[in-house]
Amino acid sequence: MNFLKAEWRKLAIINYEVDPKILAKYLPKGTELDFYNEKCYVSLVGFMFLNTRLLGVSVPFHRNFEEVNLRFYVKKKENDRWKRGVVFIKEIVPKSALSFVANTFYKENYITMPMKNEIHEKDGEVRVKYSWKDKNWHYIEITAENKALPMQADSEFEFITEHYFGFTKIGNKTSEYEVCHPQWEQYLIKKYALEIDFKAMYGNDFEFLIAEKPISVMLAEGSNIEVRTKKNIMIKE
């Protein structure tokens, strides 16, 4: 059953290499960290949620909005195949009702903050900026060539974007939901900028990112998406 249908568009993705030990306490039971070329990743992702429908219903004033999240990558073996997914450290949205629904039904760590976006396409370039505010404004901004390119097999971009499950740690239990979408196209990055107080936003574990240079920066076009209803999964001891 589909819990949510929407479009995810213009995904600005800032990737960092992280010590796996930092993520151990956030790891849902039954999952293990997923690596690309022996590197462990954490990603800051900003994007537009568009034409959102919850259980088939379009809610006024909650159809189009920004989201910024910090996430890492995991996998879970089931019936001799790997399910590859993400775990969210925190997700930021601009309306309290969105946080309430996500926290209530999916037990995710959503918080509400003022947010704004700028998306401009001109002279062969696309510029995307997502901003959010606690005491101060934080932002990520990417400028890229305005020509979407297909995904390359076995690429870093494929690894980052081809995780189709969300896993959530709920005490000693784990919940799982599937996100369905086609492969995404990407834009060639020309430059990027960011201003983020990682300690204030994500706590002491991620303070190191303030001084860390990203391992890569990406801009994905995105697509229509469907989020399936979550389920609690039984973990064999």
Protein backbone atom coordinates (compact mmCIF):
# COMPACT_ATOMS: atom_id res chain seq x y z
CA MET A 1 0.00 0.00 0.00
CA ASN A 2 1.28 3.50 -0.86
CA PHE A 3 1.43 5.83 2.11
CA LEU A 4 2.65 8.80 0.10
CA LYS A 5 3.06 9.86 -3.52
CA ALA A 6 5.01 12.94 -4.59
CA GLU A 7 7.85 14.24 -6.71
CA TRP A 8 11.36 14.66 -5.34
CA ARG A 9 13.14 17.23 -7.47
CA LYS A 10 16.53 18.95 -7.68
CA LEU A 11 18.27 16.93 -4.98
CA ALA A 12 21.41 18.71 -3.77
CA ILE A 13 23.64 16.05 -2.20
CA ILE A 14 26.77 16.79 -0.16
CA ASN A 15 28.70 13.61 0.71
CA TYR A 16 31.25 13.12 3.48
CA GLU A 17 33.40 10.21 4.51
CA VAL A 18 32.76 9.26 8.12
CA ASP A 19 34.32 6.94 10.69
CA PRO A 20 31.94 3.95 10.90
CA LYS A 21 32.29 3.98 14.70
CA ILE A 22 30.38 7.28 14.82
CA LEU A 23 27.32 5.66 13.22
CA ALA A 24 27.25 2.50 15.34
CA LYS A 25 24.75 3.83 17.90
CA TYR A 26 22.37 5.00 15.13
CA LEU A 27 22.34 1.63 13.34
CA PRO A 28 18.93 -0.11 13.37
CA LYS A 29 18.96 -3.69 14.60
CA GLY A 30 19.36 -6.19 11.77
CA THR A 31 21.13 -3.77 9.44
CA GLU A 32 24.79 -3.17 8.73
CA LEU A 33 26.67 -0.28 7.21
CA ASP A 34 26.93 -0.15 3.42
CA PHE A 35 30.23 1.00 1.91
CA TYR A 36 31.30 2.33 -1.48
CA ASN A 37 34.91 1.57 -2.39
CA GLU A 38 35.54 0.78 1.28
CA LYS A 39 34.36 4.23 2.34
CA CYS A 40 31.53 4.93 4.78
CA TYR A 41 29.33 7.85 3.73
CA VAL A 42 27.06 10.35 5.41
CA SER A 43 25.10 12.71 3.15
CA LEU A 44 23.38 16.05 3.60
CA VAL A 45 20.49 16.18 1.11
CA GLY A 46 18.23 19.11 0.24
CA PHE A 47 15.38 18.82 -2.24
CA MET A 48 11.86 19.86 -3.22
CA PHE A 49 8.82 17.81 -2.27
CA LEU A 50 6.22 18.55 -4.97
CA ASN A 51 2.60 17.51 -5.66
CA THR A 52 2.46 15.57 -2.41
CA ARG A 53 -0.48 13.26 -1.77
CA LEU A 54 -0.92 11.46 1.55
CA LEU A 55 -2.99 8.27 1.29
CA GLY A 56 -4.20 9.60 -2.04
CA VAL A 57 -5.28 12.96 -0.60
CA SER A 58 -3.74 16.31 -1.50
CA VAL A 59 -3.61 18.44 1.67
CA PRO A 60 -3.96 22.21 1.06
CA PHE A 61 -0.81 24.25 1.76
CA HIS A 62 1.21 21.04 2.26
CA ARG A 63 1.72 19.94 -1.34
CA ASN A 64 5.01 21.70 -2.15
CA PHE A 65 7.82 22.26 0.34
CA GLU A 66 11.54 21.89 1.01
CA GLU A 67 13.25 19.14 2.97
CA VAL A 68 16.84 18.83 4.18
CA ASN A 69 18.08 15.62 5.79
CA LEU A 70 21.26 14.05 7.08
CA ARG A 71 21.46 10.34 6.34
CA PHE A 72 23.77 7.34 6.06
CA TYR A 73 23.68 4.07 4.12
CA VAL A 74 22.90 0.55 5.29
CA LYS A 75 21.89 -2.85 4.01
CA LYS A 76 19.87 -5.75 5.41
CA LYS A 77 19.97 -9.33 4.19
CA GLU A 78 16.60 -10.98 3.60
CA ASN A 79 16.01 -14.33 1.87
CA ASP A 80 19.55 -14.38 0.45
CA ARG A 81 19.28 -10.89 -1.07
CA TRP A 82 20.41 -7.52 0.18
CA LYS A 83 17.99 -4.68 0.76
CA ARG A 84 19.93 -1.42 0.50
CA GLY A 85 18.56 1.54 2.38
CA VAL A 86 19.17 4.71 4.34
CA VAL A 87 18.91 5.76 7.97
CA PHE A 88 18.09 9.37 8.77
CA ILE A 89 19.81 11.27 11.54
CA LYS A 90 17.43 14.22 11.24
CA GLU A 91 14.97 15.59 8.67
CA ILE A 92 13.99 19.25 8.49
CA VAL A 93 10.72 20.49 6.95
CA PRO A 94 8.97 23.89 7.07
CA LYS A 95 5.54 22.91 8.46
CA SER A 96 4.76 21.36 11.83
CA ALA A 97 2.00 19.16 10.41
CA LEU A 98 4.56 17.42 8.20
CA SER A 99 6.78 16.69 11.19
CA PHE A 100 3.81 15.44 13.19
CA VAL A 101 2.74 12.94 10.51
CA ALA A 102 6.27 11.63 9.90
CA ASN A 103 7.12 11.35 13.59
CA THR A 104 3.78 9.75 14.45
CA PHE A 105 3.49 7.20 11.66
CA TYR A 106 7.15 6.54 10.80
CA LYS A 107 8.93 7.42 14.08
CA GLU A 108 11.47 9.46 12.16
CA ASN A 109 13.34 12.39 13.69
CA TYR A 110 11.60 15.24 11.86
CA ILE A 111 11.81 18.82 13.11
CA THR A 112 10.18 22.02 11.86
CA MET A 113 12.12 25.15 10.91
CA PRO A 114 11.59 28.13 8.60
CA MET A 115 12.86 27.18 5.15
CA LYS A 116 13.20 28.67 1.69
CA ASN A 117 14.51 27.65 -1.71
CA GLU A 118 15.94 29.25 -4.84
CA ILE A 119 15.98 27.34 -8.13
CA HIS A 120 17.12 29.18 -11.25
CA GLU A 121 17.83 27.89 -14.76
CA LYS A 122 19.58 30.35 -17.06
CA ASP A 123 22.43 30.53 -19.61
CA GLY A 124 23.08 26.81 -19.58
CA GLU A 125 23.28 26.63 -15.79
CA VAL A 126 21.00 25.48 -13.00
CA ARG A 127 21.45 26.94 -9.52
CA VAL A 128 19.81 25.37 -6.50
CA LYS A 129 19.85 26.73 -2.94
CA TYR A 130 18.10 25.36 0.14
CA SER A 131 18.10 27.36 3.38
CA TRP A 132 16.77 26.70 6.86
CA LYS A 133 16.87 28.65 10.11
CA ASP A 134 17.24 28.09 13.83
CA LYS A 135 19.00 31.08 15.43
CA ASN A 136 20.78 31.70 12.13
CA TRP A 137 20.25 30.75 8.51
CA HIS A 138 22.03 27.65 7.19
CA TYR A 139 22.23 26.78 3.50
CA ILE A 140 23.54 24.52 0.77
CA GLU A 141 23.94 25.89 -2.76
CA ILE A 142 24.97 24.15 -5.98
CA THR A 143 25.54 25.46 -9.50
CA ALA A 144 25.70 22.91 -12.31
CA GLU A 145 25.50 22.56 -16.06
CA ASN A 146 21.85 22.52 -17.08
CA LYS A 147 21.93 19.23 -18.95
CA ALA A 148 20.76 16.11 -17.15
CA LEU A 149 22.94 13.06 -17.79
CA PRO A 150 22.07 9.38 -17.32
CA MET A 151 23.35 7.41 -14.38
CA GLN A 152 26.53 5.42 -14.87
CA ALA A 153 26.57 1.82 -13.64
CA ASP A 154 28.66 1.14 -10.52
CA SER A 155 29.25 4.85 -10.02
CA GLU A 156 29.32 6.77 -6.76
CA PHE A 157 26.13 8.53 -7.90
CA GLU A 158 24.43 5.16 -8.34
CA PHE A 159 25.48 4.10 -4.85
CA ILE A 160 24.16 7.27 -3.23
CA THR A 161 20.81 7.34 -5.03
CA GLU A 162 20.01 3.63 -5.43
CA HIS A 163 19.08 2.85 -1.82
CA TYR A 164 15.39 2.05 -1.97
CA PHE A 165 14.51 1.35 1.66
CA GLY A 166 14.27 3.42 4.79
CA PHE A 167 15.20 1.76 8.08
CA THR A 168 14.31 3.30 11.41
CA LYS A 169 15.67 2.45 14.83
CA ILE A 170 12.84 2.36 17.37
CA GLY A 171 14.46 1.31 20.65
CA ASN A 172 15.47 -2.31 20.18
CA LYS A 173 13.14 -2.69 17.20
CA THR A 174 13.49 -1.79 13.54
CA SER A 175 10.90 -0.59 11.05
CA GLU A 176 11.24 -0.68 7.28
CA TYR A 177 9.56 1.04 4.35
CA GLU A 178 10.20 0.99 0.63
CA VAL A 179 10.67 4.03 -1.62
CA CYS A 180 9.96 3.38 -5.31
CA HIS A 181 11.32 5.54 -8.12
CA PRO A 182 13.15 5.14 -11.45
CA GLN A 183 16.86 5.77 -11.83
CA TRP A 184 17.74 9.44 -11.61
CA GLU A 185 19.70 11.65 -13.95
CA GLN A 186 22.44 13.94 -12.68
CA TYR A 187 23.97 17.32 -13.49
CA LEU A 188 27.67 18.10 -13.79
CA ILE A 189 28.70 20.24 -10.84
CA LYS A 190 30.43 23.57 -11.47
CA LYS A 191 30.62 24.94 -7.92
CA TYR A 192 29.03 24.68 -4.52
CA ALA A 193 28.82 26.55 -1.21
CA LEU A 194 27.44 25.73 2.20
CA GLU A 195 27.08 27.38 5.59
CA ILE A 196 26.00 24.95 8.30
CA ASP A 197 26.58 24.68 12.03
CA PHE A 198 26.66 20.88 12.13
CA LYS A 199 27.01 20.77 15.91
CA ALA A 200 23.91 22.90 16.46
CA MET A 201 21.93 20.97 13.85
CA TYR A 202 23.06 17.39 14.44
CA GLY A 203 24.92 17.23 17.75
CA ASN A 204 28.47 16.53 18.90
CA ASP A 205 28.83 13.36 16.79
CA PHE A 206 28.71 15.40 13.59
CA GLU A 207 30.53 18.54 14.70
CA PHE A 208 33.60 17.35 12.74
CA LEU A 209 31.76 18.02 9.47
CA ILE A 210 32.19 21.78 10.00
CA ALA A 211 35.87 21.47 9.09
CA GLU A 212 35.53 18.45 6.77
CA LYS A 213 35.77 18.83 3.00
CA PRO A 214 33.03 16.90 1.16
CA ILE A 215 34.20 13.77 -0.62
CA SER A 216 31.78 14.64 -3.44
CA VAL A 217 28.91 16.94 -4.41
CA MET A 218 25.97 15.90 -6.59
CA LEU A 219 22.80 17.33 -8.08
CA ALA A 220 20.11 14.83 -9.10
CA GLU A 221 17.03 15.71 -11.14
CA GLY A 222 14.77 13.35 -9.19
CA SER A 223 11.40 11.94 -10.26
CA ASN A 224 7.99 10.84 -9.11
CA ILE A 225 8.27 8.69 -5.98
CA GLU A 226 6.05 6.40 -3.94
CA VAL A 227 6.60 5.62 -0.25
CA ARG A 228 5.08 2.33 0.83
CA THR A 229 3.48 1.82 4.22
CA LYS A 230 6.05 0.92 6.86
CA LYS A 231 6.28 -2.42 8.61
CA ASN A 232 8.00 -3.57 11.77
CA ILE A 233 10.51 -6.29 11.03
CA MET A 234 11.36 -9.25 13.22
CA ILE A 235 15.05 -9.68 13.90
CA LYS A 236 16.29 -13.15 14.75
CA GLU A 237 18.68 -13.20 17.68
